[in-house]
Amino acid sequence: MKLTLLLTLLSALFAAWIIFHFKAQLGLLMLPLFLVLVAVITLILYRLMEKDDPEQSD
């Protein structure tokens, strides 16, 4: 589980670095790409957190 989390965070950092490294070439696409990156990483991390939660019994 920790490997998946580590790979997710490393891929997010790498993608963010790529986006900001090539921001001059990307132009107006930079903001939508960044927003998509944030949304995807948020959803992946949320899914990983859900797997870690024990089942709640009400």
Protein backbone atom coordinates (compact mmCIF):
# COMPACT_ATOMS: atom_id res chain seq x y z
CA MET A 1 0.00 0.00 0.00
CA LYS A 2 2.77 2.42 0.82
CA LEU A 3 4.42 1.73 -2.52
CA THR A 4 1.26 2.76 -4.35
CA LEU A 5 1.05 5.96 -2.33
CA LEU A 6 4.71 6.73 -2.95
CA LEU A 7 4.38 6.11 -6.69
CA THR A 8 1.28 8.30 -6.83
CA LEU A 9 3.02 11.18 -5.11
CA LEU A 10 6.15 10.81 -7.24
CA SER A 11 4.10 10.77 -10.44
CA ALA A 12 2.23 13.89 -9.29
CA LEU A 13 5.47 15.72 -8.57
CA PHE A 14 6.93 14.66 -11.91
CA ALA A 15 3.82 15.72 -13.83
CA ALA A 16 3.78 19.08 -12.05
CA TRP A 17 7.46 19.56 -12.87
CA ILE A 18 6.79 18.75 -16.55
CA ILE A 19 3.87 21.20 -16.69
CA PHE A 20 5.82 24.07 -15.17
CA HIS A 21 9.03 23.28 -17.02
CA PHE A 22 7.25 23.56 -20.37
CA LYS A 23 4.84 26.35 -19.41
CA ALA A 24 6.10 28.63 -22.19
CA GLN A 25 5.39 26.00 -24.84
CA LEU A 26 2.05 24.95 -23.31
CA GLY A 27 0.69 28.48 -23.14
CA LEU A 28 -3.01 28.50 -22.32
CA LEU A 29 -3.09 24.73 -21.83
CA MET A 30 -1.06 25.02 -18.64
CA LEU A 31 -3.97 25.89 -16.34
CA PRO A 32 -6.37 23.16 -17.56
CA LEU A 33 -3.59 20.56 -17.43
CA PHE A 34 -2.73 21.60 -13.89
CA LEU A 35 -6.38 21.45 -12.80
CA VAL A 36 -6.77 17.99 -14.33
CA LEU A 37 -3.60 16.86 -12.56
CA VAL A 38 -4.89 18.13 -9.21
CA ALA A 39 -8.27 16.45 -9.72
CA VAL A 40 -6.78 13.09 -10.73
CA ILE A 41 -4.29 13.02 -7.88
CA THR A 42 -6.98 14.06 -5.39
CA LEU A 43 -9.25 11.23 -6.54
CA ILE A 44 -6.44 8.67 -6.44
CA LEU A 45 -5.39 9.70 -2.94
CA TYR A 46 -9.02 9.69 -1.78
CA ARG A 47 -9.44 6.14 -3.10
CA LEU A 48 -6.27 5.08 -1.28
CA MET A 49 -7.52 6.65 1.95
CA GLU A 50 -10.85 4.85 1.64
CA LYS A 51 -9.03 1.52 1.39
CA ASP A 52 -7.19 2.25 4.64
CA ASP A 53 -10.33 3.04 6.65
CA PRO A 54 -11.71 0.10 8.61
CA GLU A 55 -15.37 -0.64 8.06
CA GLN A 56 -17.51 1.42 10.37
CA SER A 57 -20.27 -0.44 12.16
CA ASP A 58 -23.22 1.73 13.13
